[in-house]
Amino acid sequence: MGLLWLLLIFSYTFSFVEPDPCQIYGAVYIEKNKSYANFLVFEDDSEAFADVLVFKQENKLFADDSGLWHFTDDKSIADFSIYLTPKKNQADFSIFYIDKESFAGCN
């Protein structure tokens, strides 16, 4: 019985993996309920302090690299969903929207 508890504690302790914001791209849906979102995201005021610089792609096919996001209103075609939190300390990572595609990605 002791070995079973040890295995459960070990598997629970190492099963949580932090999201890598550098690997997140594609079609994104903005959730209104944070319980349903894949990631909690903070929109930063400054490019210097954001984890990811996001370029809004008009076409989903071109959202194929770090920081290239295509926003959709259709949750069924989204690759991931986010909840925009007003508090940075609650977020998984922070983003800043940019105007130049070539600067998109991790900061």
PDB file of N, CA and C in Angstrom:
ATOM      1  N   MET A   1       0.816  -1.197   0.000  1.00  0.00           N
ATOM      2  CA  MET A   1       0.000   0.000   0.000  1.00  0.00           C
ATOM      3  C   MET A   1       0.865   1.269   0.000  1.00  0.00           C
ATOM      4  N   GLY A   2       1.974   1.245   0.738  1.00  0.00           N
ATOM      5  CA  GLY A   2       2.878   2.397   0.785  1.00  0.00           C
ATOM      6  C   GLY A   2       3.501   2.695  -0.566  1.00  0.00           C
ATOM      7  N   LEU A   3       3.835   1.656  -1.311  1.00  0.00           N
ATOM      8  CA  LEU A   3       4.424   1.833  -2.631  1.00  0.00           C
ATOM      9  C   LEU A   3       3.432   2.478  -3.596  1.00  0.00           C
ATOM     10  N   LEU A   4       2.170   2.105  -3.488  1.00  0.00           N
ATOM     11  CA  LEU A   4       1.132   2.697  -4.330  1.00  0.00           C
ATOM     12  C   LEU A   4       1.025   4.198  -4.079  1.00  0.00           C
ATOM     13  N   TRP A   5       1.020   4.604  -2.827  1.00  0.00           N
ATOM     14  CA  TRP A   5       0.952   6.036  -2.492  1.00  0.00           C
ATOM     15  C   TRP A   5       2.177   6.781  -3.010  1.00  0.00           C
ATOM     16  N   LEU A   6       3.327   6.166  -2.881  1.00  0.00           N
ATOM     17  CA  LEU A   6       4.550   6.781  -3.376  1.00  0.00           C
ATOM     18  C   LEU A   6       4.487   6.981  -4.885  1.00  0.00           C
ATOM     19  N   LEU A   7       3.988   5.997  -5.616  1.00  0.00           N
ATOM     20  CA  LEU A   7       3.850   6.123  -7.066  1.00  0.00           C
ATOM     21  C   LEU A   7       2.844   7.201  -7.447  1.00  0.00           C
ATOM     22  N   LEU A   8       1.736   7.287  -6.724  1.00  0.00           N
ATOM     23  CA  LEU A   8       0.732   8.313  -7.005  1.00  0.00           C
ATOM     24  C   LEU A   8       1.287   9.712  -6.758  1.00  0.00           C
ATOM     25  N   ILE A   9       1.988   9.889  -5.665  1.00  0.00           N
ATOM     26  CA  ILE A   9       2.572  11.195  -5.355  1.00  0.00           C
ATOM     27  C   ILE A   9       3.632  11.560  -6.390  1.00  0.00           C
ATOM     28  N   PHE A  10       4.467  10.600  -6.766  1.00  0.00           N
ATOM     29  CA  PHE A  10       5.511  10.838  -7.756  1.00  0.00           C
ATOM     30  C   PHE A  10       4.915  11.229  -9.108  1.00  0.00           C
ATOM     31  N   SER A  11       3.889  10.506  -9.552  1.00  0.00           N
ATOM     32  CA  SER A  11       3.288  10.797 -10.859  1.00  0.00           C
ATOM     33  C   SER A  11       2.558  12.134 -10.845  1.00  0.00           C
ATOM     34  N   TYR A  12       1.930  12.489  -9.730  1.00  0.00           N
ATOM     35  CA  TYR A  12       1.235  13.772  -9.636  1.00  0.00           C
ATOM     36  C   TYR A  12       2.239  14.925  -9.610  1.00  0.00           C
ATOM     37  N   THR A  13       3.322  14.761  -8.900  1.00  0.00           N
ATOM     38  CA  THR A  13       4.318  15.816  -8.757  1.00  0.00           C
ATOM     39  C   THR A  13       4.967  16.162 -10.088  1.00  0.00           C
ATOM     40  N   PHE A  14       5.228  15.184 -10.922  1.00  0.00           N
ATOM     41  CA  PHE A  14       5.942  15.429 -12.158  1.00  0.00           C
ATOM     42  C   PHE A  14       5.050  15.438 -13.396  1.00  0.00           C
ATOM     43  N   SER A  15       3.749  15.413 -13.223  1.00  0.00           N
ATOM     44  CA  SER A  15       2.869  15.397 -14.384  1.00  0.00           C
ATOM     45  C   SER A  15       2.540  16.795 -14.887  1.00  0.00           C
ATOM     46  N   PHE A  16       2.703  17.824 -14.050  1.00  0.00           N
ATOM     47  CA  PHE A  16       2.393  19.177 -14.476  1.00  0.00           C
ATOM     48  C   PHE A  16       3.552  19.753 -15.264  1.00  0.00           C
ATOM     49  N   VAL A  17       3.266  20.233 -16.473  1.00  0.00           N
ATOM     50  CA  VAL A  17       4.285  20.816 -17.323  1.00  0.00           C
ATOM     51  C   VAL A  17       3.888  22.256 -17.611  1.00  0.00           C
ATOM     52  N   GLU A  18       4.807  23.162 -17.372  1.00  0.00           N
ATOM     53  CA  GLU A  18       4.567  24.571 -17.660  1.00  0.00           C
ATOM     54  C   GLU A  18       4.393  24.768 -19.164  1.00  0.00           C
ATOM     55  N   PRO A  19       3.469  25.620 -19.579  1.00  0.00           N
ATOM     56  CA  PRO A  19       3.319  25.874 -21.014  1.00  0.00           C
ATOM     57  C   PRO A  19       4.514  26.655 -21.549  1.00  0.00           C
ATOM     58  N   ASP A  20       4.929  26.321 -22.739  1.00  0.00           N
ATOM     59  CA  ASP A  20       6.006  27.052 -23.395  1.00  0.00           C
ATOM     60  C   ASP A  20       5.360  28.015 -24.389  1.00  0.00           C
ATOM     61  N   PRO A  21       5.267  29.285 -24.020  1.00  0.00           N
ATOM     62  CA  PRO A  21       4.591  30.237 -24.909  1.00  0.00           C
ATOM     63  C   PRO A  21       5.254  30.384 -26.268  1.00  0.00           C
ATOM     64  N   CYS A  22       6.517  29.997 -26.375  1.00  0.00           N
ATOM     65  CA  CYS A  22       7.222  30.080 -27.654  1.00  0.00           C
ATOM     66  C   CYS A  22       6.705  29.048 -28.658  1.00  0.00           C
ATOM     67  N   GLN A  23       6.057  28.008 -28.176  1.00  0.00           N
ATOM     68  CA  GLN A  23       5.548  26.942 -29.035  1.00  0.00           C
ATOM     69  C   GLN A  23       4.057  27.087 -29.340  1.00  0.00           C
ATOM     70  N   ILE A  24       3.468  28.207 -28.972  1.00  0.00           N
ATOM     71  CA  ILE A  24       2.025  28.398 -29.146  1.00  0.00           C
ATOM     72  C   ILE A  24       1.774  29.297 -30.353  1.00  0.00           C
ATOM     73  N   TYR A  25       1.045  28.760 -31.313  1.00  0.00           N
ATOM     74  CA  TYR A  25       0.668  29.509 -32.510  1.00  0.00           C
ATOM     75  C   TYR A  25      -0.538  28.838 -33.141  1.00  0.00           C
ATOM     76  N   GLY A  26      -1.133  29.511 -34.103  1.00  0.00           N
ATOM     77  CA  GLY A  26      -2.288  28.950 -34.799  1.00  0.00           C
ATOM     78  C   GLY A  26      -3.552  29.740 -34.523  1.00  0.00           C
ATOM     79  N   ALA A  27      -4.682  29.051 -34.671  1.00  0.00           N
ATOM     80  CA  ALA A  27      -5.983  29.683 -34.471  1.00  0.00           C
ATOM     81  C   ALA A  27      -6.311  29.720 -32.983  1.00  0.00           C
ATOM     82  N   VAL A  28      -6.714  30.878 -32.518  1.00  0.00           N
ATOM     83  CA  VAL A  28      -6.990  31.074 -31.095  1.00  0.00           C
ATOM     84  C   VAL A  28      -8.414  31.576 -30.896  1.00  0.00           C
ATOM     85  N   TYR A  29      -9.036  31.047 -29.868  1.00  0.00           N
ATOM     86  CA  TYR A  29     -10.385  31.456 -29.484  1.00  0.00           C
ATOM     87  C   TYR A  29     -10.289  32.108 -28.106  1.00  0.00           C
ATOM     88  N   ILE A  30     -10.925  33.249 -27.933  1.00  0.00           N
ATOM     89  CA  ILE A  30     -10.912  33.933 -26.641  1.00  0.00           C
ATOM     90  C   ILE A  30     -12.122  33.481 -25.834  1.00  0.00           C
ATOM     91  N   GLU A  31     -11.832  32.808 -24.729  1.00  0.00           N
ATOM     92  CA  GLU A  31     -12.874  32.311 -23.828  1.00  0.00           C
ATOM     93  C   GLU A  31     -13.364  33.429 -22.912  1.00  0.00           C
ATOM     94  N   LYS A  32     -14.638  33.359 -22.571  1.00  0.00           N
ATOM     95  CA  LYS A  32     -15.203  34.292 -21.604  1.00  0.00           C
ATOM     96  C   LYS A  32     -15.150  33.717 -20.190  1.00  0.00           C
ATOM     97  N   ASN A  33     -14.982  32.404 -20.101  1.00  0.00           N
ATOM     98  CA  ASN A  33     -14.886  31.711 -18.819  1.00  0.00           C
ATOM     99  C   ASN A  33     -13.486  31.099 -18.711  1.00  0.00           C
ATOM    100  N   LYS A  34     -12.725  31.531 -17.710  1.00  0.00           N
ATOM    101  CA  LYS A  34     -11.336  31.065 -17.631  1.00  0.00           C
ATOM    102  C   LYS A  34     -11.201  29.573 -17.347  1.00  0.00           C
ATOM    103  N   SER A  35     -12.249  28.953 -16.849  1.00  0.00           N
ATOM    104  CA  SER A  35     -12.200  27.515 -16.583  1.00  0.00           C
ATOM    105  C   SER A  35     -12.104  26.694 -17.865  1.00  0.00           C
ATOM    106  N   TYR A  36     -12.563  27.249 -18.973  1.00  0.00           N
ATOM    107  CA  TYR A  36     -12.548  26.533 -20.243  1.00  0.00           C
ATOM    108  C   TYR A  36     -11.315  26.832 -21.092  1.00  0.00           C
ATOM    109  N   ALA A  37     -10.509  27.776 -20.695  1.00  0.00           N
ATOM    110  CA  ALA A  37      -9.357  28.193 -21.499  1.00  0.00           C
ATOM    111  C   ALA A  37      -8.168  27.267 -21.299  1.00  0.00           C
ATOM    112  N   ASN A  38      -7.391  27.116 -22.364  1.00  0.00           N
ATOM    113  CA  ASN A  38      -6.138  26.367 -22.264  1.00  0.00           C
ATOM    114  C   ASN A  38      -5.066  27.167 -21.543  1.00  0.00           C
ATOM    115  N   PHE A  39      -5.085  28.492 -21.751  1.00  0.00           N
ATOM    116  CA  PHE A  39      -4.079  29.366 -21.158  1.00  0.00           C
ATOM    117  C   PHE A  39      -4.711  30.645 -20.633  1.00  0.00           C
ATOM    118  N   LEU A  40      -4.181  31.138 -19.532  1.00  0.00           N
ATOM    119  CA  LEU A  40      -4.551  32.452 -19.013  1.00  0.00           C
ATOM    120  C   LEU A  40      -3.477  33.417 -19.502  1.00  0.00           C
ATOM    121  N   VAL A  41      -3.895  34.473 -20.187  1.00  0.00           N
ATOM    122  CA  VAL A  41      -2.967  35.378 -20.856  1.00  0.00           C
ATOM    123  C   VAL A  41      -3.198  36.805 -20.382  1.00  0.00           C
ATOM    124  N   PHE A  42      -2.094  37.507 -20.178  1.00  0.00           N
ATOM    125  CA  PHE A  42      -2.146  38.918 -19.802  1.00  0.00           C
ATOM    126  C   PHE A  42      -1.663  39.747 -20.980  1.00  0.00           C
ATOM    127  N   GLU A  43      -2.437  40.772 -21.349  1.00  0.00           N
ATOM    128  CA  GLU A  43      -2.033  41.683 -22.414  1.00  0.00           C
ATOM    129  C   GLU A  43      -1.184  42.791 -21.798  1.00  0.00           C
ATOM    130  N   ASP A  44       0.108  42.755 -22.079  1.00  0.00           N
ATOM    131  CA  ASP A  44       1.049  43.703 -21.492  1.00  0.00           C
ATOM    132  C   ASP A  44       1.010  45.033 -22.231  1.00  0.00           C
ATOM    133  N   ASP A  45       1.334  46.104 -21.507  1.00  0.00           N
ATOM    134  CA  ASP A  45       1.382  47.447 -22.091  1.00  0.00           C
ATOM    135  C   ASP A  45       2.698  47.710 -22.811  1.00  0.00           C
ATOM    136  N   SER A  46       3.688  46.902 -22.495  1.00  0.00           N
ATOM    137  CA  SER A  46       5.022  47.145 -23.016  1.00  0.00           C
ATOM    138  C   SER A  46       5.564  45.923 -23.751  1.00  0.00           C
ATOM    139  N   GLU A  47       6.156  46.179 -24.878  1.00  0.00           N
ATOM    140  CA  GLU A  47       6.792  45.117 -25.661  1.00  0.00           C
ATOM    141  C   GLU A  47       7.967  44.511 -24.893  1.00  0.00           C
ATOM    142  N   ALA A  48       8.636  45.314 -24.102  1.00  0.00           N
ATOM    143  CA  ALA A  48       9.837  44.869 -23.391  1.00  0.00           C
ATOM    144  C   ALA A  48       9.549  43.832 -22.313  1.00  0.00           C
ATOM    145  N   PHE A  49       8.356  43.869 -21.720  1.00  0.00           N
ATOM    146  CA  PHE A  49       8.057  42.978 -20.604  1.00  0.00           C
ATOM    147  C   PHE A  49       7.174  41.790 -20.984  1.00  0.00           C
ATOM    148  N   ALA A  50       6.726  41.726 -22.216  1.00  0.00           N
ATOM    149  CA  ALA A  50       5.864  40.630 -22.660  1.00  0.00           C
ATOM    150  C   ALA A  50       6.695  39.385 -22.949  1.00  0.00           C
ATOM    151  N   ASP A  51       6.099  38.223 -22.705  1.00  0.00           N
ATOM    152  CA  ASP A  51       6.769  36.954 -23.006  1.00  0.00           C
ATOM    153  C   ASP A  51       6.735  36.644 -24.496  1.00  0.00           C
ATOM    154  N   VAL A  52       5.612  36.982 -25.144  1.00  0.00           N
ATOM    155  CA  VAL A  52       5.435  36.683 -26.568  1.00  0.00           C
ATOM    156  C   VAL A  52       4.943  37.929 -27.289  1.00  0.00           C
ATOM    157  N   LEU A  53       5.544  38.205 -28.431  1.00  0.00           N
ATOM    158  CA  LEU A  53       5.078  39.272 -29.310  1.00  0.00           C
ATOM    159  C   LEU A  53       4.161  38.631 -30.336  1.00  0.00           C
ATOM    160  N   VAL A  54       2.907  39.061 -30.355  1.00  0.00           N
ATOM    161  CA  VAL A  54       1.882  38.422 -31.183  1.00  0.00           C
ATOM    162  C   VAL A  54       1.542  39.294 -32.386  1.00  0.00           C
ATOM    163  N   PHE A  55       1.572  38.646 -33.546  1.00  0.00           N
ATOM    164  CA  PHE A  55       1.111  39.279 -34.774  1.00  0.00           C
ATOM    165  C   PHE A  55      -0.195  38.618 -35.168  1.00  0.00           C
ATOM    166  N   LYS A  56      -1.231  39.425 -35.384  1.00  0.00           N
ATOM    167  CA  LYS A  56      -2.546  38.896 -35.748  1.00  0.00           C
ATOM    168  C   LYS A  56      -2.586  38.589 -37.243  1.00  0.00           C
ATOM    169  N   GLN A  57      -2.654  37.303 -37.562  1.00  0.00           N
ATOM    170  CA  GLN A  57      -2.740  36.855 -38.943  1.00  0.00           C
ATOM    171  C   GLN A  57      -4.199  36.879 -39.401  1.00  0.00           C
ATOM    172  N   GLU A  58      -4.432  37.344 -40.601  1.00  0.00           N
ATOM    173  CA  GLU A  58      -5.783  37.350 -41.162  1.00  0.00           C
ATOM    174  C   GLU A  58      -6.190  35.957 -41.639  1.00  0.00           C
ATOM    175  N   ASN A  59      -5.223  35.192 -42.093  1.00  0.00           N
ATOM    176  CA  ASN A  59      -5.471  33.864 -42.640  1.00  0.00           C
ATOM    177  C   ASN A  59      -4.913  32.807 -41.692  1.00  0.00           C
ATOM    178  N   LYS A  60      -5.730  31.825 -41.335  1.00  0.00           N
ATOM    179  CA  LYS A  60      -5.319  30.768 -40.417  1.00  0.00           C
ATOM    180  C   LYS A  60      -4.115  29.985 -40.937  1.00  0.00           C
ATOM    181  N   LEU A  61      -4.012  29.812 -42.238  1.00  0.00           N
ATOM    182  CA  LEU A  61      -2.915  29.035 -42.822  1.00  0.00           C
ATOM    183  C   LEU A  61      -1.547  29.661 -42.586  1.00  0.00           C
ATOM    184  N   PHE A  62      -1.513  30.976 -42.383  1.00  0.00           N
ATOM    185  CA  PHE A  62      -0.238  31.657 -42.169  1.00  0.00           C
ATOM    186  C   PHE A  62       0.134  31.783 -40.690  1.00  0.00           C
ATOM    187  N   ALA A  63      -0.718  31.319 -39.814  1.00  0.00           N
ATOM    188  CA  ALA A  63      -0.421  31.324 -38.376  1.00  0.00           C
ATOM    189  C   ALA A  63       0.312  30.032 -38.041  1.00  0.00           C
ATOM    190  N   ASP A  64       1.543  29.929 -38.522  1.00  0.00           N
ATOM    191  CA  ASP A  64       2.260  28.656 -38.456  1.00  0.00           C
ATOM    192  C   ASP A  64       3.624  28.740 -37.774  1.00  0.00           C
ATOM    193  N   ASP A  65       3.815  29.768 -36.968  1.00  0.00           N
ATOM    194  CA  ASP A  65       5.088  29.906 -36.258  1.00  0.00           C
ATOM    195  C   ASP A  65       4.851  30.683 -34.967  1.00  0.00           C
ATOM    196  N   SER A  66       5.846  30.683 -34.115  1.00  0.00           N
ATOM    197  CA  SER A  66       5.743  31.318 -32.807  1.00  0.00           C
ATOM    198  C   SER A  66       5.272  32.769 -32.915  1.00  0.00           C
ATOM    199  N   GLY A  67       4.234  33.102 -32.148  1.00  0.00           N
ATOM    200  CA  GLY A  67       3.717  34.460 -32.110  1.00  0.00           C
ATOM    201  C   GLY A  67       2.759  34.821 -33.230  1.00  0.00           C
ATOM    202  N   LEU A  68       2.521  33.913 -34.152  1.00  0.00           N
ATOM    203  CA  LEU A  68       1.579  34.170 -35.245  1.00  0.00           C
ATOM    204  C   LEU A  68       0.238  33.555 -34.873  1.00  0.00           C
ATOM    205  N   TRP A  69      -0.717  34.405 -34.571  1.00  0.00           N
ATOM    206  CA  TRP A  69      -2.022  33.953 -34.092  1.00  0.00           C
ATOM    207  C   TRP A  69      -3.119  34.438 -35.034  1.00  0.00           C
ATOM    208  N   HIS A  70      -4.049  33.547 -35.306  1.00  0.00           N
ATOM    209  CA  HIS A  70      -5.253  33.885 -36.068  1.00  0.00           C
ATOM    210  C   HIS A  70      -6.433  33.803 -35.103  1.00  0.00           C
ATOM    211  N   PHE A  71      -7.067  34.922 -34.837  1.00  0.00           N
ATOM    212  CA  PHE A  71      -8.193  34.956 -33.900  1.00  0.00           C
ATOM    213  C   PHE A  71      -9.466  34.550 -34.620  1.00  0.00           C
ATOM    214  N   THR A  72     -10.214  33.654 -33.978  1.00  0.00           N
ATOM    215  CA  THR A  72     -11.446  33.143 -34.569  1.00  0.00           C
ATOM    216  C   THR A  72     -12.589  33.207 -33.568  1.00  0.00           C
ATOM    217  N   ASP A  73     -13.795  33.360 -34.093  1.00  0.00           N
ATOM    218  CA  ASP A  73     -14.997  33.342 -33.254  1.00  0.00           C
ATOM    219  C   ASP A  73     -15.592  31.938 -33.180  1.00  0.00           C
ATOM    220  N   ASP A  74     -15.028  31.015 -33.945  1.00  0.00           N
ATOM    221  CA  ASP A  74     -15.513  29.636 -33.999  1.00  0.00           C
ATOM    222  C   ASP A  74     -14.589  28.744 -33.181  1.00  0.00           C
ATOM    223  N   LYS A  75     -15.041  28.347 -32.010  1.00  0.00           N
ATOM    224  CA  LYS A  75     -14.216  27.543 -31.106  1.00  0.00           C
ATOM    225  C   LYS A  75     -13.834  26.190 -31.710  1.00  0.00           C
ATOM    226  N   SER A  76     -14.658  25.673 -32.596  1.00  0.00           N
ATOM    227  CA  SER A  76     -14.408  24.338 -33.151  1.00  0.00           C
ATOM    228  C   SER A  76     -13.202  24.299 -34.090  1.00  0.00           C
ATOM    229  N   ILE A  77     -12.798  25.421 -34.645  1.00  0.00           N
ATOM    230  CA  ILE A  77     -11.630  25.425 -35.528  1.00  0.00           C
ATOM    231  C   ILE A  77     -10.378  25.960 -34.834  1.00  0.00           C
ATOM    232  N   ALA A  78     -10.494  26.339 -33.576  1.00  0.00           N
ATOM    233  CA  ALA A  78      -9.350  26.887 -32.845  1.00  0.00           C
ATOM    234  C   ALA A  78      -8.374  25.789 -32.445  1.00  0.00           C
ATOM    235  N   ASP A  79      -7.090  26.122 -32.481  1.00  0.00           N
ATOM    236  CA  ASP A  79      -6.044  25.213 -32.027  1.00  0.00           C
ATOM    237  C   ASP A  79      -5.907  25.264 -30.504  1.00  0.00           C
ATOM    238  N   PHE A  80      -6.221  26.409 -29.928  1.00  0.00           N
ATOM    239  CA  PHE A  80      -6.164  26.587 -28.484  1.00  0.00           C
ATOM    240  C   PHE A  80      -7.057  27.757 -28.096  1.00  0.00           C
ATOM    241  N   SER A  81      -7.338  27.862 -26.817  1.00  0.00           N
ATOM    242  CA  SER A  81      -8.169  28.960 -26.336  1.00  0.00           C
ATOM    243  C   SER A  81      -7.446  29.679 -25.204  1.00  0.00           C
ATOM    244  N   ILE A  82      -7.739  30.972 -25.097  1.00  0.00           N
ATOM    245  CA  ILE A  82      -7.131  31.780 -24.051  1.00  0.00           C
ATOM    246  C   ILE A  82      -8.202  32.542 -23.300  1.00  0.00           C
ATOM    247  N   TYR A  83      -7.877  32.885 -22.088  1.00  0.00           N
ATOM    248  CA  TYR A  83      -8.699  33.799 -21.297  1.00  0.00           C
ATOM    249  C   TYR A  83      -7.822  35.001 -20.990  1.00  0.00           C
ATOM    250  N   LEU A  84      -8.292  36.190 -21.314  1.00  0.00           N
ATOM    251  CA  LEU A  84      -7.522  37.406 -21.070  1.00  0.00           C
ATOM    252  C   LEU A  84      -7.764  37.860 -19.636  1.00  0.00           C
ATOM    253  N   THR A  85      -6.763  37.673 -18.806  1.00  0.00           N
ATOM    254  CA  THR A  85      -6.874  38.019 -17.392  1.00  0.00           C
ATOM    255  C   THR A  85      -6.345  39.434 -17.154  1.00  0.00           C
ATOM    256  N   PRO A  86      -6.981  40.185 -16.266  1.00  0.00           N
ATOM    257  CA  PRO A  86      -6.513  41.544 -15.989  1.00  0.00           C
ATOM    258  C   PRO A  86      -5.314  41.598 -15.036  1.00  0.00           C
ATOM    259  N   LYS A  87      -4.938  40.454 -14.462  1.00  0.00           N
ATOM    260  CA  LYS A  87      -3.840  40.430 -13.494  1.00  0.00           C
ATOM    261  C   LYS A  87      -2.686  39.583 -14.016  1.00  0.00           C
ATOM    262  N   LYS A  88      -1.526  40.190 -14.114  1.00  0.00           N
ATOM    263  CA  LYS A  88      -0.360  39.506 -14.673  1.00  0.00           C
ATOM    264  C   LYS A  88       0.073  38.311 -13.819  1.00  0.00           C
ATOM    265  N   ASN A  89      -0.094  38.417 -12.506  1.00  0.00           N
ATOM    266  CA  ASN A  89       0.352  37.324 -11.634  1.00  0.00           C
ATOM    267  C   ASN A  89      -0.528  36.078 -11.751  1.00  0.00           C
ATOM    268  N   GLN A  90      -1.682  36.182 -12.394  1.00  0.00           N
ATOM    269  CA  GLN A  90      -2.559  35.024 -12.607  1.00  0.00           C
ATOM    270  C   GLN A  90      -2.341  34.379 -13.976  1.00  0.00           C
ATOM    271  N   ALA A  91      -1.566  35.028 -14.819  1.00  0.00           N
ATOM    272  CA  ALA A  91      -1.402  34.569 -16.202  1.00  0.00           C
ATOM    273  C   ALA A  91      -0.337  33.497 -16.335  1.00  0.00           C
ATOM    274  N   ASP A  92      -0.536  32.627 -17.330  1.00  0.00           N
ATOM    275  CA  ASP A  92       0.490  31.655 -17.699  1.00  0.00           C
ATOM    276  C   ASP A  92       1.638  32.352 -18.420  1.00  0.00           C
ATOM    277  N   PHE A  93       1.292  33.371 -19.217  1.00  0.00           N
ATOM    278  CA  PHE A  93       2.293  34.186 -19.898  1.00  0.00           C
ATOM    279  C   PHE A  93       1.641  35.482 -20.355  1.00  0.00           C
ATOM    280  N   SER A  94       2.465  36.431 -20.784  1.00  0.00           N
ATOM    281  CA  SER A  94       1.964  37.731 -21.232  1.00  0.00           C
ATOM    282  C   SER A  94       2.276  37.919 -22.714  1.00  0.00           C
ATOM    283  N   ILE A  95       1.438  38.734 -23.360  1.00  0.00           N
ATOM    284  CA  ILE A  95       1.608  38.996 -24.790  1.00  0.00           C
ATOM    285  C   ILE A  95       1.585  40.498 -25.045  1.00  0.00           C
ATOM    286  N   PHE A  96       2.108  40.873 -26.187  1.00  0.00           N
ATOM    287  CA  PHE A  96       2.040  42.242 -26.676  1.00  0.00           C
ATOM    288  C   PHE A  96       1.798  42.154 -28.175  1.00  0.00           C
ATOM    289  N   TYR A  97       0.804  42.900 -28.676  1.00  0.00           N
ATOM    290  CA  TYR A  97       0.481  42.872 -30.103  1.00  0.00           C
ATOM    291  C   TYR A  97       1.424  43.795 -30.868  1.00  0.00           C
ATOM    292  N   ILE A  98       1.947  43.276 -31.985  1.00  0.00           N
ATOM    293  CA  ILE A  98       2.857  44.060 -32.820  1.00  0.00           C
ATOM    294  C   ILE A  98       2.289  44.197 -34.218  1.00  0.00           C
ATOM    295  N   ASP A  99       2.864  45.134 -34.985  1.00  0.00           N
ATOM    296  CA  ASP A  99       2.390  45.412 -36.337  1.00  0.00           C
ATOM    297  C   ASP A  99       3.234  44.750 -37.423  1.00  0.00           C
ATOM    298  N   LYS A 100       4.403  44.271 -37.066  1.00  0.00           N
ATOM    299  CA  LYS A 100       5.304  43.667 -38.051  1.00  0.00           C
ATOM    300  C   LYS A 100       5.431  42.174 -37.810  1.00  0.00           C
ATOM    301  N   GLU A 101       5.087  41.393 -38.788  1.00  0.00           N
ATOM    302  CA  GLU A 101       5.118  39.927 -38.679  1.00  0.00           C
ATOM    303  C   GLU A 101       6.508  39.394 -38.360  1.00  0.00           C
ATOM    304  N   SER A 102       7.527  40.012 -38.889  1.00  0.00           N
ATOM    305  CA  SER A 102       8.895  39.522 -38.712  1.00  0.00           C
ATOM    306  C   SER A 102       9.377  39.601 -37.267  1.00  0.00           C
ATOM    307  N   PHE A 103       8.745  40.416 -36.436  1.00  0.00           N
ATOM    308  CA  PHE A 103       9.150  40.541 -35.038  1.00  0.00           C
ATOM    309  C   PHE A 103       8.355  39.621 -34.109  1.00  0.00           C
ATOM    310  N   ALA A 104       7.423  38.857 -34.641  1.00  0.00           N
ATOM    311  CA  ALA A 104       6.584  37.976 -33.811  1.00  0.00           C
ATOM    312  C   ALA A 104       7.416  36.852 -33.208  1.00  0.00           C
ATOM    313  N   GLY A 105       7.003  36.420 -32.038  1.00  0.00           N
ATOM    314  CA  GLY A 105       7.662  35.300 -31.373  1.00  0.00           C
ATOM    315  C   GLY A 105       8.056  35.640 -29.960  1.00  0.00           C
ATOM    316  N   CYS A 106       8.955  34.850 -29.425  1.00  0.00           N
ATOM    317  CA  CYS A 106       9.385  35.054 -28.049  1.00  0.00           C
ATOM    318  C   CYS A 106      10.270  36.269 -27.938  1.00  0.00           C
ATOM    319  N   ASN A 107      10.097  36.941 -26.834  1.00  0.00           N
ATOM    320  CA  ASN A 107      10.826  38.166 -26.584  1.00  0.00           C
ATOM    321  C   ASN A 107      12.120  37.889 -25.856  1.00  0.00           C
TER     322      ASN A 107
END
